Each structure stands twice: as C-alpha cells, then as structure tokens.
PDB file of N, CA and C in Angstrom:
ATOM      1  N   MET A   1      15.557  -8.401  -3.090  1.00  0.00           N
ATOM      2  CA  MET A   1      14.497  -7.923  -3.830  1.00  0.00           C
ATOM      3  C   MET A   1      14.694  -8.447  -4.963  1.00  0.00           C
ATOM      4  N   ARG A   2      13.612  -8.687  -5.664  1.00  0.00           N
ATOM      5  CA  ARG A   2      13.210  -9.184  -7.096  1.00  0.00           C
ATOM      6  C   ARG A   2      13.732  -8.235  -8.120  1.00  0.00           C
ATOM      7  N   SER A   3      14.087  -8.721  -9.292  1.00  0.00           N
ATOM      8  CA  SER A   3      14.406  -7.737 -10.286  1.00  0.00           C
ATOM      9  C   SER A   3      13.153  -7.053 -10.679  1.00  0.00           C
ATOM     10  N   THR A   4      13.247  -5.650 -11.212  1.00  0.00           N
ATOM     11  CA  THR A   4      12.180  -4.811 -11.408  1.00  0.00           C
ATOM     12  C   THR A   4      11.109  -5.350 -12.394  1.00  0.00           C
ATOM     13  N   THR A   5      11.739  -5.900 -13.440  1.00  0.00           N
ATOM     14  CA  THR A   5      10.801  -6.566 -14.588  1.00  0.00           C
ATOM     15  C   THR A   5       9.898  -7.798 -14.048  1.00  0.00           C
ATOM     16  N   SER A   6      10.342  -8.766 -13.140  1.00  0.00           N
ATOM     17  CA  SER A   6       9.744  -9.738 -12.616  1.00  0.00           C
ATOM     18  C   SER A   6       8.506  -9.007 -11.395  1.00  0.00           C
ATOM     19  N   ASN A   7       8.864  -7.723 -11.019  1.00  0.00           N
ATOM     20  CA  ASN A   7       7.902  -7.324  -9.893  1.00  0.00           C
ATOM     21  C   ASN A   7       6.875  -6.361 -10.832  1.00  0.00           C
ATOM     22  N   LEU A   8       6.880  -6.383 -11.995  1.00  0.00           N
ATOM     23  CA  LEU A   8       5.796  -5.553 -12.935  1.00  0.00           C
ATOM     24  C   LEU A   8       4.451  -6.265 -12.684  1.00  0.00           C
ATOM     25  N   ASP A   9       4.508  -7.517 -12.903  1.00  0.00           N
ATOM     26  CA  ASP A   9       3.135  -8.378 -12.851  1.00  0.00           C
ATOM     27  C   ASP A   9       2.482  -8.234 -11.518  1.00  0.00           C
ATOM     28  N   PRO A  10       3.257  -8.423 -10.246  1.00  0.00           N
ATOM     29  CA  PRO A  10       2.420  -8.275  -9.042  1.00  0.00           C
ATOM     30  C   PRO A  10       1.987  -6.850  -8.952  1.00  0.00           C
ATOM     31  N   PHE A  11       2.836  -5.915  -9.271  1.00  0.00           N
ATOM     32  CA  PHE A  11       2.636  -4.474  -9.278  1.00  0.00           C
ATOM     33  C   PHE A  11       1.279  -4.318  -9.941  1.00  0.00           C
ATOM     34  N   LEU A  12       1.001  -4.745 -11.389  1.00  0.00           N
ATOM     35  CA  LEU A  12      -0.224  -4.407 -12.008  1.00  0.00           C
ATOM     36  C   LEU A  12      -1.361  -5.001 -11.370  1.00  0.00           C
ATOM     37  N   HIS A  13      -0.900  -6.346 -10.945  1.00  0.00           N
ATOM     38  CA  HIS A  13      -2.346  -6.872 -10.260  1.00  0.00           C
ATOM     39  C   HIS A  13      -2.622  -6.270  -8.955  1.00  0.00           C
ATOM     40  N   ALA A  14      -1.782  -5.593  -8.239  1.00  0.00           N
ATOM     41  CA  ALA A  14      -2.397  -4.943  -7.233  1.00  0.00           C
ATOM     42  C   ALA A  14      -2.947  -3.573  -7.406  1.00  0.00           C
ATOM     43  N   ILE A  15      -2.600  -2.762  -8.427  1.00  0.00           N
ATOM     44  CA  ILE A  15      -3.020  -1.616  -8.684  1.00  0.00           C
ATOM     45  C   ILE A  15      -4.425  -1.784  -9.734  1.00  0.00           C
ATOM     46  N   ALA A  16      -4.567  -3.065 -10.098  1.00  0.00           N
ATOM     47  CA  ALA A  16      -5.955  -3.075 -11.124  1.00  0.00           C
ATOM     48  C   ALA A  16      -6.955  -2.938 -10.216  1.00  0.00           C
ATOM     49  N   ASP A  17      -7.147  -3.264  -8.813  1.00  0.00           N
ATOM     50  CA  ASP A  17      -8.211  -3.252  -7.986  1.00  0.00           C
ATOM     51  C   ASP A  17      -8.475  -1.831  -7.897  1.00  0.00           C
ATOM     52  N   PRO A  18      -9.514  -1.140  -7.906  1.00  0.00           N
ATOM     53  CA  PRO A  18      -9.931   0.263  -7.443  1.00  0.00           C
ATOM     54  C   PRO A  18      -9.860   0.638  -5.988  1.00  0.00           C
ATOM     55  N   THR A  19     -10.245  -0.609  -5.332  1.00  0.00           N
ATOM     56  CA  THR A  19     -10.304  -0.362  -3.699  1.00  0.00           C
ATOM     57  C   THR A  19      -8.545  -0.244  -3.339  1.00  0.00           C
ATOM     58  N   ARG A  20      -7.891  -1.079  -4.035  1.00  0.00           N
ATOM     59  CA  ARG A  20      -6.204  -1.100  -3.564  1.00  0.00           C
ATOM     60  C   ARG A  20      -6.020   0.310  -3.826  1.00  0.00           C
ATOM     61  N   ARG A  21      -6.040   0.859  -5.189  1.00  0.00           N
ATOM     62  CA  ARG A  21      -5.705   2.290  -5.475  1.00  0.00           C
ATOM     63  C   ARG A  21      -6.217   3.364  -4.198  1.00  0.00           C
ATOM     64  N   ARG A  22      -7.436   3.109  -3.873  1.00  0.00           N
ATOM     65  CA  ARG A  22      -7.986   4.105  -2.936  1.00  0.00           C
ATOM     66  C   ARG A  22      -7.137   4.080  -1.665  1.00  0.00           C
ATOM     67  N   ILE A  23      -6.656   2.544  -1.460  1.00  0.00           N
ATOM     68  CA  ILE A  23      -5.844   2.358  -0.145  1.00  0.00           C
ATOM     69  C   ILE A  23      -4.521   3.330  -0.308  1.00  0.00           C
ATOM     70  N   LEU A  24      -3.860   3.144  -1.591  1.00  0.00           N
ATOM     71  CA  LEU A  24      -2.737   3.708  -1.695  1.00  0.00           C
ATOM     72  C   LEU A  24      -2.791   5.197  -1.807  1.00  0.00           C
ATOM     73  N   ARG A  25      -3.719   5.695  -2.171  1.00  0.00           N
ATOM     74  CA  ARG A  25      -4.150   7.206  -2.089  1.00  0.00           C
ATOM     75  C   ARG A  25      -4.326   7.557  -0.654  1.00  0.00           C
ATOM     76  N   ALA A  26      -4.888   6.827   0.176  1.00  0.00           N
ATOM     77  CA  ALA A  26      -5.182   7.157   1.552  1.00  0.00           C
ATOM     78  C   ALA A  26      -3.671   7.140   2.121  1.00  0.00           C
ATOM     79  N   LEU A  27      -2.996   6.177   1.894  1.00  0.00           N
ATOM     80  CA  LEU A  27      -1.594   6.192   2.392  1.00  0.00           C
ATOM     81  C   LEU A  27      -0.841   7.292   2.166  1.00  0.00           C
ATOM     82  N   LYS A  28      -0.900   7.856   1.065  1.00  0.00           N
ATOM     83  CA  LYS A  28      -0.147   9.084   0.585  1.00  0.00           C
ATOM     84  C   LYS A  28      -0.416  10.357   1.526  1.00  0.00           C
ATOM     85  N   GLU A  29      -1.458  10.674   2.011  1.00  0.00           N
ATOM     86  CA  GLU A  29      -2.000  11.613   2.919  1.00  0.00           C
ATOM     87  C   GLU A  29      -1.071  11.891   3.928  1.00  0.00           C
ATOM     88  N   LYS A  30      -0.705  13.110   4.284  1.00  0.00           N
ATOM     89  CA  LYS A  30       0.260  13.267   5.513  1.00  0.00           C
ATOM     90  C   LYS A  30      -0.575  13.383   6.660  1.00  0.00           C
ATOM     91  N   ALA A  31       0.000  13.145   7.958  1.00  0.00           N
ATOM     92  CA  ALA A  31      -0.445  13.611   9.349  1.00  0.00           C
ATOM     93  C   ALA A  31      -1.762  12.985   9.534  1.00  0.00           C
ATOM     94  N   GLY A  32      -2.214  11.904   8.792  1.00  0.00           N
ATOM     95  CA  GLY A  32      -3.529  11.278   9.163  1.00  0.00           C
ATOM     96  C   GLY A  32      -3.642  10.374  10.376  1.00  0.00           C
ATOM     97  N   CYS A  33      -2.732   9.784  10.701  1.00  0.00           N
ATOM     98  CA  CYS A  33      -2.654   8.676  11.564  1.00  0.00           C
ATOM     99  C   CYS A  33      -2.951   8.723  12.834  1.00  0.00           C
ATOM    100  N   SER A  34      -3.777   7.737  13.417  1.00  0.00           N
ATOM    101  CA  SER A  34      -4.116   8.159  14.768  1.00  0.00           C
ATOM    102  C   SER A  34      -3.133   7.689  15.590  1.00  0.00           C
ATOM    103  N   ILE A  35      -2.091   7.241  15.310  1.00  0.00           N
ATOM    104  CA  ILE A  35      -1.049   6.697  16.576  1.00  0.00           C
ATOM    105  C   ILE A  35       0.291   7.618  16.186  1.00  0.00           C
ATOM    106  N   ASP A  36       0.048   8.770  15.666  1.00  0.00           N
ATOM    107  CA  ASP A  36       0.967  10.124  15.767  1.00  0.00           C
ATOM    108  C   ASP A  36       2.153   9.616  14.808  1.00  0.00           C
ATOM    109  N   LYS A  37       2.037   8.919  13.535  1.00  0.00           N
ATOM    110  CA  LYS A  37       3.113   8.709  12.845  1.00  0.00           C
ATOM    111  C   LYS A  37       2.985   9.775  11.674  1.00  0.00           C
ATOM    112  N   GLN A  38       4.030  10.333  11.258  1.00  0.00           N
ATOM    113  CA  GLN A  38       4.239  11.420  10.207  1.00  0.00           C
ATOM    114  C   GLN A  38       3.842  10.806   8.624  1.00  0.00           C
ATOM    115  N   SER A  39       3.958   9.811   8.465  1.00  0.00           N
ATOM    116  CA  SER A  39       3.359   9.189   7.307  1.00  0.00           C
ATOM    117  C   SER A  39       2.816   7.829   7.429  1.00  0.00           C
ATOM    118  N   GLY A  40       1.802   7.517   6.505  1.00  0.00           N
ATOM    119  CA  GLY A  40       1.149   5.847   6.746  1.00  0.00           C
ATOM    120  C   GLY A  40       0.061   6.175   7.689  1.00  0.00           C
ATOM    121  N   LEU A  41      -0.510   4.896   7.713  1.00  0.00           N
ATOM    122  CA  LEU A  41      -1.623   4.855   8.623  1.00  0.00           C
ATOM    123  C   LEU A  41      -1.777   3.467   9.332  1.00  0.00           C
ATOM    124  N   CYS A  42      -2.493   3.223  10.512  1.00  0.00           N
ATOM    125  CA  CYS A  42      -2.865   2.254  10.980  1.00  0.00           C
ATOM    126  C   CYS A  42      -3.941   1.362  10.531  1.00  0.00           C
ATOM    127  N   ALA A  43      -4.239   0.103  10.493  1.00  0.00           N
ATOM    128  CA  ALA A  43      -5.263  -0.410   9.730  1.00  0.00           C
ATOM    129  C   ALA A  43      -6.610   0.055  10.147  1.00  0.00           C
ATOM    130  N   GLY A  44      -6.893   0.637  11.244  1.00  0.00           N
ATOM    131  CA  GLY A  44      -8.015   1.136  11.634  1.00  0.00           C
ATOM    132  C   GLY A  44      -8.418   2.368  10.976  1.00  0.00           C
ATOM    133  N   ASP A  45      -7.177   3.226  10.690  1.00  0.00           N
ATOM    134  CA  ASP A  45      -7.273   4.744   9.955  1.00  0.00           C
ATOM    135  C   ASP A  45      -7.610   3.998   8.467  1.00  0.00           C
ATOM    136  N   ILE A  46      -7.329   3.024   7.894  1.00  0.00           N
ATOM    137  CA  ILE A  46      -7.425   2.623   6.582  1.00  0.00           C
ATOM    138  C   ILE A  46      -9.011   2.422   6.297  1.00  0.00           C
ATOM    139  N   GLU A  47      -9.406   1.364   7.631  1.00  0.00           N
ATOM    140  CA  GLU A  47     -10.749   1.076   7.388  1.00  0.00           C
ATOM    141  C   GLU A  47     -11.854   2.182   7.214  1.00  0.00           C
ATOM    142  N   GLN A  48     -11.425   3.271   8.103  1.00  0.00           N
ATOM    143  CA  GLN A  48     -12.156   4.321   8.038  1.00  0.00           C
ATOM    144  C   GLN A  48     -12.175   5.042   6.825  1.00  0.00           C
ATOM    145  N   ARG A  49     -11.074   5.348   6.413  1.00  0.00           N
ATOM    146  CA  ARG A  49     -10.914   6.053   4.962  1.00  0.00           C
ATOM    147  C   ARG A  49     -11.606   5.546   3.739  1.00  0.00           C
ATOM    148  N   VAL A  50     -11.559   4.247   3.712  1.00  0.00           N
ATOM    149  CA  VAL A  50     -11.988   3.668   2.430  1.00  0.00           C
ATOM    150  C   VAL A  50     -13.405   2.857   3.038  1.00  0.00           C
ATOM    151  N   ARG A  51     -13.743   2.934   4.037  1.00  0.00           N
ATOM    152  CA  ARG A  51     -15.266   2.454   4.564  1.00  0.00           C
ATOM    153  C   ARG A  51     -15.286   1.079   4.035  1.00  0.00           C
ATOM    154  N   LEU A  52     -14.237   0.159   4.662  1.00  0.00           N
ATOM    155  CA  LEU A  52     -14.621  -1.208   4.339  1.00  0.00           C
ATOM    156  C   LEU A  52     -14.438  -1.847   5.667  1.00  0.00           C
ATOM    157  N   ALA A  53     -15.035  -3.279   5.879  1.00  0.00           N
ATOM    158  CA  ALA A  53     -14.727  -4.010   7.014  1.00  0.00           C
ATOM    159  C   ALA A  53     -13.084  -4.504   7.186  1.00  0.00           C
ATOM    160  N   GLN A  54     -12.773  -4.719   8.495  1.00  0.00           N
ATOM    161  CA  GLN A  54     -11.505  -5.006   8.658  1.00  0.00           C
ATOM    162  C   GLN A  54     -10.799  -6.191   8.004  1.00  0.00           C
ATOM    163  N   PRO A  55     -11.893  -7.346   7.771  1.00  0.00           N
ATOM    164  CA  PRO A  55     -11.250  -8.723   6.845  1.00  0.00           C
ATOM    165  C   PRO A  55     -10.974  -8.156   5.454  1.00  0.00           C
ATOM    166  N   THR A  56     -11.671  -7.173   4.805  1.00  0.00           N
ATOM    167  CA  THR A  56     -11.751  -6.817   3.544  1.00  0.00           C
ATOM    168  C   THR A  56     -10.349  -5.860   3.371  1.00  0.00           C
ATOM    169  N   VAL A  57     -10.032  -5.103   4.371  1.00  0.00           N
ATOM    170  CA  VAL A  57      -8.971  -4.186   4.265  1.00  0.00           C
ATOM    171  C   VAL A  57      -7.759  -5.087   4.444  1.00  0.00           C
ATOM    172  N   SER A  58      -7.923  -6.213   5.499  1.00  0.00           N
ATOM    173  CA  SER A  58      -6.590  -7.254   5.480  1.00  0.00           C
ATOM    174  C   SER A  58      -6.346  -7.838   4.391  1.00  0.00           C
ATOM    175  N   HIS A  59      -7.450  -8.235   3.566  1.00  0.00           N
ATOM    176  CA  HIS A  59      -7.249  -9.003   2.313  1.00  0.00           C
ATOM    177  C   HIS A  59      -6.579  -8.049   1.377  1.00  0.00           C
ATOM    178  N   HIS A  60      -6.877  -6.803   1.125  1.00  0.00           N
ATOM    179  CA  HIS A  60      -6.337  -5.999   0.164  1.00  0.00           C
ATOM    180  C   HIS A  60      -4.876  -5.557   0.814  1.00  0.00           C
ATOM    181  N   MET A  61      -4.592  -5.425   2.053  1.00  0.00           N
ATOM    182  CA  MET A  61      -3.342  -5.186   2.494  1.00  0.00           C
ATOM    183  C   MET A  61      -2.117  -6.280   2.219  1.00  0.00           C
ATOM    184  N   ARG A  62      -2.779  -7.397   2.472  1.00  0.00           N
ATOM    185  CA  ARG A  62      -1.917  -8.657   2.116  1.00  0.00           C
ATOM    186  C   ARG A  62      -1.528  -8.669   0.561  1.00  0.00           C
ATOM    187  N   ILE A  63      -2.493  -8.287  -0.476  1.00  0.00           N
ATOM    188  CA  ILE A  63      -1.822  -8.269  -1.599  1.00  0.00           C
ATOM    189  C   ILE A  63      -1.029  -6.982  -1.921  1.00  0.00           C
ATOM    190  N   LEU A  64      -1.049  -5.984  -1.318  1.00  0.00           N
ATOM    191  CA  LEU A  64      -0.184  -4.615  -1.463  1.00  0.00           C
ATOM    192  C   LEU A  64       1.095  -5.015  -0.850  1.00  0.00           C
ATOM    193  N   GLU A  65       1.050  -5.871   0.169  1.00  0.00           N
ATOM    194  CA  GLU A  65       2.485  -6.259   0.732  1.00  0.00           C
ATOM    195  C   GLU A  65       3.008  -7.195  -0.053  1.00  0.00           C
ATOM    196  N   LYS A  66       2.199  -8.099  -0.645  1.00  0.00           N
ATOM    197  CA  LYS A  66       2.947  -9.225  -1.475  1.00  0.00           C
ATOM    198  C   LYS A  66       3.557  -8.712  -2.634  1.00  0.00           C
ATOM    199  N   ALA A  67       3.222  -7.394  -3.172  1.00  0.00           N
ATOM    200  CA  ALA A  67       3.599  -6.787  -4.237  1.00  0.00           C
ATOM    201  C   ALA A  67       4.791  -5.773  -3.803  1.00  0.00           C
ATOM    202  N   CYS A  68       4.881  -5.755  -2.549  1.00  0.00           N
ATOM    203  CA  CYS A  68       6.012  -4.830  -1.784  1.00  0.00           C
ATOM    204  C   CYS A  68       5.509  -3.345  -2.094  1.00  0.00           C
ATOM    205  N   LEU A  69       4.305  -2.989  -2.282  1.00  0.00           N
ATOM    206  CA  LEU A  69       3.791  -1.578  -2.609  1.00  0.00           C
ATOM    207  C   LEU A  69       3.817  -0.939  -1.269  1.00  0.00           C
ATOM    208  N   VAL A  70       3.509  -1.810  -0.040  1.00  0.00           N
ATOM    209  CA  VAL A  70       3.278  -1.226   1.129  1.00  0.00           C
ATOM    210  C   VAL A  70       4.399  -1.941   2.214  1.00  0.00           C
ATOM    211  N   GLU A  71       4.806  -1.171   3.130  1.00  0.00           N
ATOM    212  CA  GLU A  71       5.421  -2.002   4.218  1.00  0.00           C
ATOM    213  C   GLU A  71       4.645  -1.566   5.476  1.00  0.00           C
ATOM    214  N   ALA A  72       4.647  -3.117   6.246  1.00  0.00           N
ATOM    215  CA  ALA A  72       3.833  -3.088   7.592  1.00  0.00           C
ATOM    216  C   ALA A  72       4.714  -3.422   8.578  1.00  0.00           C
ATOM    217  N   LYS A  73       4.420  -2.494   9.716  1.00  0.00           N
ATOM    218  CA  LYS A  73       5.206  -2.826  10.658  1.00  0.00           C
ATOM    219  C   LYS A  73       4.331  -2.834  11.867  1.00  0.00           C
ATOM    220  N   ARG A  74       4.587  -3.408  13.090  1.00  0.00           N
ATOM    221  CA  ARG A  74       3.985  -3.773  14.419  1.00  0.00           C
ATOM    222  C   ARG A  74       4.217  -2.594  15.260  1.00  0.00           C
ATOM    223  N   ASP A  75       3.356  -1.987  15.802  1.00  0.00           N
ATOM    224  CA  ASP A  75       3.676  -0.944  16.898  1.00  0.00           C
ATOM    225  C   ASP A  75       2.838  -1.141  17.892  1.00  0.00           C
ATOM    226  N   GLY A  76       3.339  -1.979  19.042  1.00  0.00           N
ATOM    227  CA  GLY A  76       2.631  -2.378  19.987  1.00  0.00           C
ATOM    228  C   GLY A  76       1.405  -3.234  19.464  1.00  0.00           C
ATOM    229  N   HIS A  77      -0.003  -3.084  19.582  1.00  0.00           N
ATOM    230  CA  HIS A  77      -0.907  -3.841  19.190  1.00  0.00           C
ATOM    231  C   HIS A  77      -1.614  -3.224  17.912  1.00  0.00           C
ATOM    232  N   TRP A  78      -0.866  -2.193  17.291  1.00  0.00           N
ATOM    233  CA  TRP A  78      -1.318  -1.646  15.748  1.00  0.00           C
ATOM    234  C   TRP A  78      -0.376  -2.225  14.820  1.00  0.00           C
ATOM    235  N   ARG A  79      -1.080  -2.264  13.814  1.00  0.00           N
ATOM    236  CA  ARG A  79      -0.164  -2.504  12.646  1.00  0.00           C
ATOM    237  C   ARG A  79      -0.334  -1.320  11.827  1.00  0.00           C
ATOM    238  N   TRP A  80       0.916  -0.754  11.421  1.00  0.00           N
ATOM    239  CA  TRP A  80       1.126   0.434  10.750  1.00  0.00           C
ATOM    240  C   TRP A  80       1.595   0.163   9.367  1.00  0.00           C
ATOM    241  N   TYR A  81       0.984   1.053   8.321  1.00  0.00           N
ATOM    242  CA  TYR A  81       1.399   0.661   7.169  1.00  0.00           C
ATOM    243  C   TYR A  81       1.895   2.087   6.216  1.00  0.00           C
ATOM    244  N   ARG A  82       2.791   2.023   5.171  1.00  0.00           N
ATOM    245  CA  ARG A  82       3.187   3.016   4.774  1.00  0.00           C
ATOM    246  C   ARG A  82       3.615   2.464   3.316  1.00  0.00           C
ATOM    247  N   ARG A  83       3.336   3.559   2.124  1.00  0.00           N
ATOM    248  CA  ARG A  83       3.626   3.350   0.799  1.00  0.00           C
ATOM    249  C   ARG A  83       5.086   3.053   0.841  1.00  0.00           C
ATOM    250  N   ASN A  84       5.766   2.068  -0.146  1.00  0.00           N
ATOM    251  CA  ASN A  84       6.925   1.869  -0.626  1.00  0.00           C
ATOM    252  C   ASN A  84       7.525   2.797  -1.734  1.00  0.00           C
ATOM    253  N   GLU A  85       7.386   4.199  -1.511  1.00  0.00           N
ATOM    254  CA  GLU A  85       7.419   4.996  -2.506  1.00  0.00           C
ATOM    255  C   GLU A  85       8.629   4.766  -3.454  1.00  0.00           C
ATOM    256  N   LYS A  86       9.646   4.537  -2.891  1.00  0.00           N
ATOM    257  CA  LYS A  86      10.920   4.143  -4.107  1.00  0.00           C
ATOM    258  C   LYS A  86      10.304   3.142  -5.139  1.00  0.00           C
ATOM    259  N   LEU A  87       9.743   1.773  -4.562  1.00  0.00           N
ATOM    260  CA  LEU A  87       9.476   0.873  -5.600  1.00  0.00           C
ATOM    261  C   LEU A  87       8.435   1.388  -6.556  1.00  0.00           C
ATOM    262  N   ILE A  88       7.415   2.247  -5.951  1.00  0.00           N
ATOM    263  CA  ILE A  88       6.152   2.710  -6.934  1.00  0.00           C
ATOM    264  C   ILE A  88       6.921   3.544  -7.718  1.00  0.00           C
ATOM    265  N   ALA A  89       8.043   4.451  -7.657  1.00  0.00           N
ATOM    266  CA  ALA A  89       8.163   5.411  -8.601  1.00  0.00           C
ATOM    267  C   ALA A  89       9.124   4.406  -9.735  1.00  0.00           C
ATOM    268  N   GLU A  90       9.844   3.261  -9.275  1.00  0.00           N
ATOM    269  CA  GLU A  90      10.494   2.415 -10.200  1.00  0.00           C
ATOM    270  C   GLU A  90       9.669   1.723 -11.106  1.00  0.00           C
ATOM    271  N   MET A  91       8.576   1.243 -10.494  1.00  0.00           N
ATOM    272  CA  MET A  91       7.449   0.539 -11.238  1.00  0.00           C
ATOM    273  C   MET A  91       6.869   1.306 -12.358  1.00  0.00           C
ATOM    274  N   MET A  92       6.600   2.493 -12.002  1.00  0.00           N
ATOM    275  CA  MET A  92       6.158   3.565 -12.994  1.00  0.00           C
ATOM    276  C   MET A  92       7.027   3.907 -13.971  1.00  0.00           C
ATOM    277  N   ARG A  93       8.432   3.868 -13.574  1.00  0.00           N
ATOM    278  CA  ARG A  93       9.667   4.082 -14.810  1.00  0.00           C
ATOM    279  C   ARG A  93       9.663   2.601 -15.899  1.00  0.00           C
ATOM    280  N   VAL A  94       9.425   1.539 -15.065  1.00  0.00           N
ATOM    281  CA  VAL A  94       9.438   0.300 -15.905  1.00  0.00           C
ATOM    282  C   VAL A  94       8.229   0.196 -16.644  1.00  0.00           C
ATOM    283  N   LEU A  95       7.120   0.700 -16.166  1.00  0.00           N
ATOM    284  CA  LEU A  95       5.803   0.593 -16.888  1.00  0.00           C
ATOM    285  C   LEU A  95       5.937   1.434 -18.058  1.00  0.00           C
ATOM    286  N   LYS A  96       6.465   2.772 -18.026  1.00  0.00           N
ATOM    287  CA  LYS A  96       6.477   3.426 -19.065  1.00  0.00           C
ATOM    288  C   LYS A  96       7.472   3.033 -20.261  1.00  0.00           C
ATOM    289  N   GLY A  97       8.543   2.301 -19.610  1.00  0.00           N
ATOM    290  CA  GLY A  97       9.507   1.823 -20.795  1.00  0.00           C
ATOM    291  C   GLY A  97       8.978   0.498 -21.586  1.00  0.00           C
ATOM    292  N   GLU A  98       7.814  -0.209 -20.688  1.00  0.00           N
ATOM    293  CA  GLU A  98       7.303  -1.239 -21.293  1.00  0.00           C
ATOM    294  C   GLU A  98       6.202  -0.969 -22.417  1.00  0.00           C
ATOM    295  N   LEU A  99       5.719   0.156 -22.340  1.00  0.00           N
ATOM    296  CA  LEU A  99       4.552   0.739 -23.189  1.00  0.00           C
ATOM    297  C   LEU A  99       5.148   1.425 -24.380  1.00  0.00           C
TER     298      LEU A  99
END
C-alpha cells in the first residue's frame, strides 16, 4: 500500500465529485444489497441508488477503486463493492493534520 500522504491526492480527487460522494454514502447503508451481502452493494444496486447508467457508474467506480476507497470482488457474474473504511478513516486523520 502507498504511504498515507501520497494517498491524499487520489483521495481528494475521488471525493471531489458529488456523484462519487453519493456512491460512497450509498455503500455505507447496511443490508441493501440484492445479492444478500451484509455490507456493500453490487453494481446494479449502485446504479439504482444513484440513478445513473451503468457506464457512468463504472467510470466512477474505477476512480474510487484507483483511490482505494472501495474494494471490488466478483461473486459469480456480479461485481460487488464495499467501502474501505480503514483507509477512509486514515485519510480523514491525514486531512485534518494537513489543514
């Protein structure tokens, strides 16, 4: 994993977009996954929650994955996402220290 300070720029880029913040909020909700996961959502669930087309959601999810804010796993033909709570908490601490 990259150092926390070098993660700050991709983190800020990822959360700068209101759509990505909506996705992160949706991923925080419990028990809303259509494939019966306790946390996280499949791509279709995210599309429904943020009311965007699949290519647009995929674009935003790639940015969130690149910033390590979400973890993605394949479950059969489903792609399931969940927040990286540990990194989000660490980035919030680093950001508070930077300001």
